[in-house]
């Protein structure tokens, strides 16, 4: 299978990555202003994974992400307004302000989190894939997780069942080299993680995830395999986060020189430079993309600022299962 990306597809990849980068830069400002509270995990440097994989998925597919999921949610189509309102803790957020930064969810986009527990999304993804295998033939579940999740028992249990049941499950390992603050070689005896998938007799490949075109090509190969009913597929995406693990991380485990070296491979800048050199992106087009993104972010901030906080009288709502069932039967969410 050969991937042929036209000008519009290249622009879409670039726009999506830049949109994620600019949105999270604004989130840093808002966090420092104490408008976003709690933990904040940023995706800078890893944008090619979300943009490339989401470009290969269809609207009927499902997505399970990690707590570093703003980029996944944006690329999947969750409205920026709803994401930022959620991070502000406002009722207009996609989870009524109850999930915050780490628990983005949108049923309409089949975006099932945002999971704060390392590896917690893996068995959930297997369950969704099993249900879709029986009820939505042809649908795929894409599960994103970091290389730190590979040490969890849930990872191996899910891999085993995925192969045994030939689940339509795309495993996307975002290997950014540090499981929070532990270098990969200090936590895993086998640092080629895709080989672990092969041990479960699963189709697997490594990907240079600082290149969105390579990520989309690999994701398209995986999607073809999955839709053909050939069982699960595993992508190990070699990437790097430019910022700290979270806003509380001192980054004592890596050097400034290492970070700067990886920034020379910035997926956004690499694609922009290639498109400019090959007459696929003009200066005016690049400026228009920046302007549109800035306007979208400004509107999202205004939306979140104008949002409403939940009344304390409502704090017990959705806590008990019978209340949740009663509420959802009254709503007309598709």
Protein backbone atom coordinates (compact mmCIF):
# COMPACT_ATOMS: atom_id res chain seq x y z
CA UNK A 1 0.00 0.00 0.00
CA UNK A 2 1.39 3.39 -1.03
CA UNK A 3 0.18 6.58 0.58
CA UNK A 4 -0.36 9.48 -1.79
CA UNK A 5 -0.93 12.70 0.12
CA UNK A 6 -2.15 15.66 -1.89
CA UNK A 7 -1.72 19.29 -1.02
CA UNK A 8 -4.93 19.46 1.00
CA UNK A 9 -3.99 16.38 3.05
CA UNK A 10 -0.57 17.83 3.85
CA UNK A 11 -2.17 21.10 4.87
CA UNK A 12 -4.61 19.19 7.09
CA UNK A 13 -1.77 17.39 8.88
CA UNK A 14 0.13 20.64 9.37
CA UNK A 15 -2.93 22.54 10.55
CA UNK A 16 -3.89 19.83 13.01
CA UNK A 17 -0.43 19.65 14.57
CA UNK A 18 -0.07 23.42 14.79
CA UNK A 19 -3.56 23.71 16.27
CA UNK A 20 -2.60 21.29 19.06
CA UNK A 21 0.70 23.10 19.71
CA UNK A 22 -0.85 26.56 19.88
CA UNK A 23 -3.78 25.38 22.01
CA UNK A 24 -1.49 23.85 24.61
CA UNK A 25 0.75 26.93 24.67
CA UNK A 26 -2.35 28.91 25.62
CA UNK A 27 -3.18 26.27 28.24
CA UNK A 28 0.19 26.93 29.89
CA UNK A 29 -0.69 30.62 30.18
CA UNK A 30 -4.10 29.80 31.60
CA UNK A 31 -2.61 27.31 34.05
CA UNK A 32 -0.11 29.87 35.31
CA UNK A 33 -3.01 32.28 35.74
CA UNK A 34 -4.72 29.54 37.86
CA UNK A 35 -7.68 29.32 35.51
CA UNK A 36 -6.80 25.67 34.82
CA UNK A 37 -6.14 23.71 38.00
CA UNK A 38 -4.95 20.25 38.96
CA UNK A 39 -2.51 18.38 36.74
CA UNK A 40 -1.67 19.42 33.18
CA UNK A 41 0.18 17.06 30.84
CA UNK A 42 1.27 18.58 27.54
CA UNK A 43 1.80 16.98 24.13
CA UNK A 44 4.44 19.30 22.60
CA UNK A 45 6.62 17.28 20.22
CA UNK A 46 4.23 14.34 19.94
CA UNK A 47 1.60 15.99 17.73
CA UNK A 48 2.42 13.88 14.66
CA UNK A 49 1.11 10.75 16.40
CA UNK A 50 -2.38 12.08 17.04
CA UNK A 51 -2.62 13.89 13.70
CA UNK A 52 -1.32 10.96 11.64
CA UNK A 53 -3.33 8.20 13.29
CA UNK A 54 -6.61 10.15 13.44
CA UNK A 55 -6.30 10.94 9.73
CA UNK A 56 -6.47 7.21 9.01
CA UNK A 57 -9.53 6.51 11.17
CA UNK A 58 -13.18 6.82 10.22
CA UNK A 59 -16.06 8.45 12.13
CA UNK A 60 -17.39 5.07 13.26
CA UNK A 61 -14.12 4.06 14.89
CA UNK A 62 -13.44 4.43 18.61
CA UNK A 63 -10.52 6.11 20.37
CA UNK A 64 -9.14 5.50 23.85
CA UNK A 65 -6.41 7.88 24.99
CA UNK A 66 -4.12 8.63 27.93
CA UNK A 67 -4.08 11.50 30.44
CA UNK A 68 -1.93 13.41 27.89
CA UNK A 69 -4.93 13.55 25.59
CA UNK A 70 -5.65 17.14 24.54
CA UNK A 71 -4.04 16.49 21.16
CA UNK A 72 -5.94 13.25 20.63
CA UNK A 73 -9.24 14.92 21.49
CA UNK A 74 -8.65 17.89 19.18
CA UNK A 75 -7.51 15.69 16.30
CA UNK A 76 -10.51 13.42 16.79
CA UNK A 77 -12.90 16.32 16.41
CA UNK A 78 -13.89 17.10 19.98
CA UNK A 79 -14.72 20.85 19.89
CA UNK A 80 -12.01 23.07 21.34
CA UNK A 81 -14.68 25.07 23.19
CA UNK A 82 -15.84 21.97 25.05
CA UNK A 83 -12.29 20.84 25.84
CA UNK A 84 -11.21 24.17 27.32
CA UNK A 85 -14.46 24.61 29.25
CA UNK A 86 -13.85 21.16 30.71
CA UNK A 87 -10.36 22.18 31.77
CA UNK A 88 -11.86 25.27 33.40
CA UNK A 89 -14.26 23.03 35.33
CA UNK A 90 -17.31 24.55 33.67
CA UNK A 91 -20.69 22.91 33.00
CA UNK A 92 -20.28 23.61 29.28
CA UNK A 93 -17.30 21.26 29.20
CA UNK A 94 -17.56 17.88 27.50
CA UNK A 95 -17.86 16.19 30.93
CA UNK A 96 -19.72 19.00 32.68
CA UNK A 97 -16.44 20.14 34.22
CA UNK A 98 -16.11 16.97 36.28
CA UNK A 99 -13.27 15.38 34.34
CA UNK A 100 -10.79 18.18 33.87
CA UNK A 101 -7.59 17.91 31.85
CA UNK A 102 -7.09 14.16 32.27
CA UNK A 103 -10.61 12.91 31.55
CA UNK A 104 -11.77 14.33 28.22
CA UNK A 105 -14.69 12.29 26.86
CA UNK A 106 -17.07 12.76 23.95
CA UNK A 107 -19.62 10.09 23.10
CA UNK A 108 -20.56 11.71 19.80
CA UNK A 109 -16.97 11.41 18.53
CA UNK A 110 -16.59 7.94 20.09
CA UNK A 111 -13.75 9.39 22.15
CA UNK A 112 -13.60 7.30 25.34
CA UNK A 113 -11.06 9.23 27.43
CA UNK A 114 -8.71 10.48 28.80
CA UNK A 115 -7.65 7.92 31.47
CA UNK A 116 -5.62 9.01 34.49
CA UNK A 117 -4.36 5.50 35.34
CA UNK A 118 -1.27 4.34 33.43
CA UNK A 119 -2.40 1.49 31.19
CA UNK A 120 -5.99 1.89 32.37
CA UNK A 121 -7.31 2.43 28.86
CA UNK A 122 -5.97 -0.87 27.48
CA UNK A 123 -8.58 -3.30 28.86
CA UNK A 124 -11.28 -0.69 28.20
CA UNK A 125 -10.19 -0.59 24.55
CA UNK A 126 -10.36 -4.38 24.35
CA UNK A 127 -13.92 -4.30 25.64
CA UNK A 128 -14.97 -1.66 23.12
CA UNK A 129 -13.28 -3.59 20.29
CA UNK A 130 -15.01 -6.81 21.34
CA UNK A 131 -18.41 -5.08 21.40
CA UNK A 132 -17.78 -3.48 17.99
CA UNK A 133 -16.64 -6.81 16.57
CA UNK A 134 -20.12 -8.14 17.30
CA UNK A 135 -22.28 -5.04 16.90
CA UNK A 136 -20.40 -2.71 14.51
CA UNK A 137 -18.62 -4.85 11.93
CA UNK A 138 -15.75 -2.96 10.34
CA UNK A 139 -15.24 -0.53 13.24
CA UNK A 140 -11.77 -0.17 14.74
CA UNK A 141 -10.69 0.85 18.23
CA UNK A 142 -7.43 2.81 18.47
CA UNK A 143 -5.82 2.74 21.91
CA UNK A 144 -3.04 5.24 22.70
CA UNK A 145 -0.66 4.64 25.60
CA UNK A 146 2.88 5.50 26.63
CA UNK A 147 5.81 3.11 26.84
CA UNK A 148 5.48 3.26 30.64
CA UNK A 149 2.24 1.28 30.35
CA UNK A 150 4.17 -1.66 28.88
CA UNK A 151 5.26 -2.63 32.39
CA UNK A 152 1.66 -3.01 33.55
CA UNK A 153 -0.01 -6.40 33.73
CA UNK A 154 -3.04 -4.98 31.95
CA UNK A 155 -0.87 -4.37 28.88
CA UNK A 156 0.08 -8.04 28.55
CA UNK A 157 -3.39 -9.31 29.39
CA UNK A 158 -4.94 -7.06 26.76
CA UNK A 159 -2.36 -8.01 24.12
CA UNK A 160 -2.98 -11.70 24.74
CA UNK A 161 -6.77 -11.43 24.53
CA UNK A 162 -6.59 -9.17 21.47
CA UNK A 163 -4.77 -11.85 19.53
CA UNK A 164 -6.84 -14.74 20.87
CA UNK A 165 -10.08 -12.98 19.94
CA UNK A 166 -8.69 -11.36 16.75
CA UNK A 167 -9.96 -8.01 17.95
CA UNK A 168 -10.09 -4.99 15.60
CA UNK A 169 -7.75 -3.16 17.99
CA UNK A 170 -4.98 -0.77 16.97
CA UNK A 171 -2.36 -0.42 19.71
CA UNK A 172 -0.53 2.92 19.44
CA UNK A 173 2.45 3.08 21.78
CA UNK A 174 3.71 6.65 22.10
CA UNK A 175 7.30 5.94 23.09
CA UNK A 176 8.76 9.24 24.31
CA UNK A 177 11.66 7.46 26.08
CA UNK A 178 10.70 8.35 29.65
CA UNK A 179 8.00 6.65 31.70
CA UNK A 180 7.38 9.85 33.62
CA UNK A 181 11.05 10.14 34.63
CA UNK A 182 12.51 6.65 34.10
CA UNK A 183 14.67 6.19 30.97
CA UNK A 184 13.38 3.40 28.75
CA UNK A 185 16.54 1.30 29.08
CA UNK A 186 16.24 1.40 32.87
CA UNK A 187 12.69 0.11 32.88
CA UNK A 188 12.54 -2.39 30.00
CA UNK A 189 14.94 -5.23 29.20
CA UNK A 190 13.65 -5.19 25.60
CA UNK A 191 13.61 -1.59 24.41
CA UNK A 192 12.15 -2.42 20.96
CA UNK A 193 8.62 -2.48 22.27
CA UNK A 194 7.07 -3.53 18.97
CA UNK A 195 8.87 -6.87 19.40
CA UNK A 196 6.79 -7.52 22.50
CA UNK A 197 3.72 -7.41 20.26
CA UNK A 198 5.33 -9.94 17.93
CA UNK A 199 5.70 -12.25 20.93
CA UNK A 200 1.90 -12.27 21.02
CA UNK A 201 1.84 -13.16 17.30
CA UNK A 202 0.58 -9.70 16.45
CA UNK A 203 1.43 -7.63 13.37
CA UNK A 204 3.70 -4.82 14.54
CA UNK A 205 6.07 -2.14 13.30
CA UNK A 206 8.12 0.80 14.58
CA UNK A 207 7.44 4.30 13.20
CA UNK A 208 9.41 7.54 13.11
CA UNK A 209 6.73 9.62 14.83
CA UNK A 210 8.53 12.90 14.31
CA UNK A 211 7.23 12.63 10.74
CA UNK A 212 3.42 12.87 10.43
CA UNK A 213 3.42 11.47 6.88
CA UNK A 214 5.16 8.30 8.06
CA UNK A 215 2.71 8.00 10.93
CA UNK A 216 -0.31 8.33 8.65
CA UNK A 217 1.17 5.80 6.20
CA UNK A 218 1.75 3.28 8.99
CA UNK A 219 -1.73 3.92 10.39
CA UNK A 220 -3.26 3.33 6.96
CA UNK A 221 -1.44 0.00 6.71
CA UNK A 222 -2.77 -0.92 10.13
CA UNK A 223 -6.32 0.12 9.26
CA UNK A 224 -6.31 -1.98 6.07
CA UNK A 225 -5.11 -4.97 8.09
CA UNK A 226 -7.74 -4.45 10.80
CA UNK A 227 -10.70 -3.87 8.48
CA UNK A 228 -9.77 -7.07 6.66
CA UNK A 229 -10.37 -8.96 9.91
CA UNK A 230 -6.76 -10.05 10.31
CA UNK A 231 -6.56 -9.30 14.02
CA UNK A 232 -4.90 -6.56 16.08
CA UNK A 233 -2.03 -4.33 14.95
CA UNK A 234 0.70 -2.62 16.97
CA UNK A 235 2.49 0.65 16.18
CA UNK A 236 5.46 1.78 18.24
CA UNK A 237 5.69 5.50 17.59
CA UNK A 238 9.14 6.89 18.38
CA UNK A 239 8.51 10.41 19.62
CA UNK A 240 9.60 12.90 22.28
CA UNK A 241 7.91 15.43 24.53
CA UNK A 242 9.57 18.82 24.52
CA UNK A 243 8.00 19.93 27.79
CA UNK A 244 8.10 18.32 31.23
CA UNK A 245 6.00 15.28 32.11
CA UNK A 246 3.61 17.62 33.91
CA UNK A 247 3.71 21.17 35.20
CA UNK A 248 5.20 19.84 38.47
CA UNK A 249 8.10 17.97 36.85
CA UNK A 250 11.66 19.32 37.40
CA UNK A 251 13.08 17.14 34.57
CA UNK A 252 16.18 16.14 36.55
CA UNK A 253 16.38 12.92 34.52
CA UNK A 254 17.35 14.52 31.17
CA UNK A 255 19.59 17.30 29.89
CA UNK A 256 18.79 20.54 28.14
CA UNK A 257 21.09 19.49 25.27
CA UNK A 258 19.03 16.33 24.75
CA UNK A 259 15.80 18.32 24.58
CA UNK A 260 17.27 20.84 22.15
CA UNK A 261 18.59 18.02 19.98
CA UNK A 262 15.11 16.53 19.66
CA UNK A 263 13.64 19.95 18.91
CA UNK A 264 15.71 19.96 15.74
CA UNK A 265 13.35 17.20 14.59
CA UNK A 266 10.18 19.11 15.47
CA UNK A 267 7.45 17.43 13.35
CA UNK A 268 5.63 20.71 12.75
CA UNK A 269 8.67 22.62 11.58
CA UNK A 270 9.92 19.69 9.48
CA UNK A 271 6.64 19.43 7.61
CA UNK A 272 6.34 23.20 7.19
CA UNK A 273 9.87 23.47 5.78
CA UNK A 274 9.35 20.52 3.42
CA UNK A 275 6.06 21.92 2.10
CA UNK A 276 7.60 25.37 1.61
CA UNK A 277 10.64 23.94 -0.20
CA UNK A 278 8.41 21.84 -2.45
CA UNK A 279 5.89 24.61 -3.25
CA UNK A 280 3.12 23.01 -1.18
CA UNK A 281 2.72 25.87 1.30
CA UNK A 282 3.05 29.57 0.61
CA UNK A 283 3.85 32.25 3.18
CA UNK A 284 0.32 33.63 2.81
CA UNK A 285 -1.23 30.18 3.38
CA UNK A 286 0.92 29.61 6.48
CA UNK A 287 -0.11 33.02 7.85
CA UNK A 288 -3.79 32.27 7.17
CA UNK A 289 -3.54 28.98 9.07
CA UNK A 290 -1.93 30.76 12.04
CA UNK A 291 -4.64 33.43 12.00
CA UNK A 292 -7.48 30.90 11.89
CA UNK A 293 -6.00 28.90 14.77
CA UNK A 294 -5.47 32.03 16.86
CA UNK A 295 -9.10 33.02 16.31
CA UNK A 296 -10.34 29.55 17.28
CA UNK A 297 -8.30 29.63 20.49
CA UNK A 298 -9.46 33.13 21.36
CA UNK A 299 -13.08 32.03 20.90
CA UNK A 300 -12.50 28.93 23.05
CA UNK A 301 -11.03 31.02 25.87
CA UNK A 302 -14.00 33.40 25.73
CA UNK A 303 -16.39 30.43 25.75
CA UNK A 304 -14.69 28.86 28.78
CA UNK A 305 -14.49 32.17 30.63
CA UNK A 306 -18.21 32.76 30.11
CA UNK A 307 -19.11 29.25 31.24
CA UNK A 308 -20.92 28.41 34.45
CA UNK A 309 -19.75 26.47 37.50
CA UNK A 310 -21.90 23.61 38.75
CA UNK A 311 -23.96 24.38 41.82
CA UNK A 312 -22.90 22.60 44.99
CA UNK A 313 -26.46 21.30 45.15
CA UNK A 314 -25.62 19.14 42.13
CA UNK A 315 -22.48 17.50 43.54
CA UNK A 316 -24.20 14.18 44.26
CA UNK A 317 -25.69 13.97 40.78
CA UNK A 318 -24.32 11.11 38.63
CA UNK A 319 -22.73 9.49 41.69
CA UNK A 320 -25.16 6.60 42.09
CA UNK A 321 -25.86 4.26 39.19
CA UNK A 322 -29.65 4.50 39.37
CA UNK A 323 -29.39 8.28 39.08
CA UNK A 324 -27.15 7.98 36.05
CA UNK A 325 -29.54 5.56 34.34
CA UNK A 326 -32.53 7.80 35.04
CA UNK A 327 -30.68 10.85 33.69
CA UNK A 328 -29.44 9.21 30.51
CA UNK A 329 -32.88 7.87 29.66
CA UNK A 330 -34.16 11.46 29.66
CA UNK A 331 -31.41 12.74 27.38
CA UNK A 332 -31.32 12.19 23.63
CA UNK A 333 -27.58 11.73 23.21
CA UNK A 334 -26.90 9.57 20.12
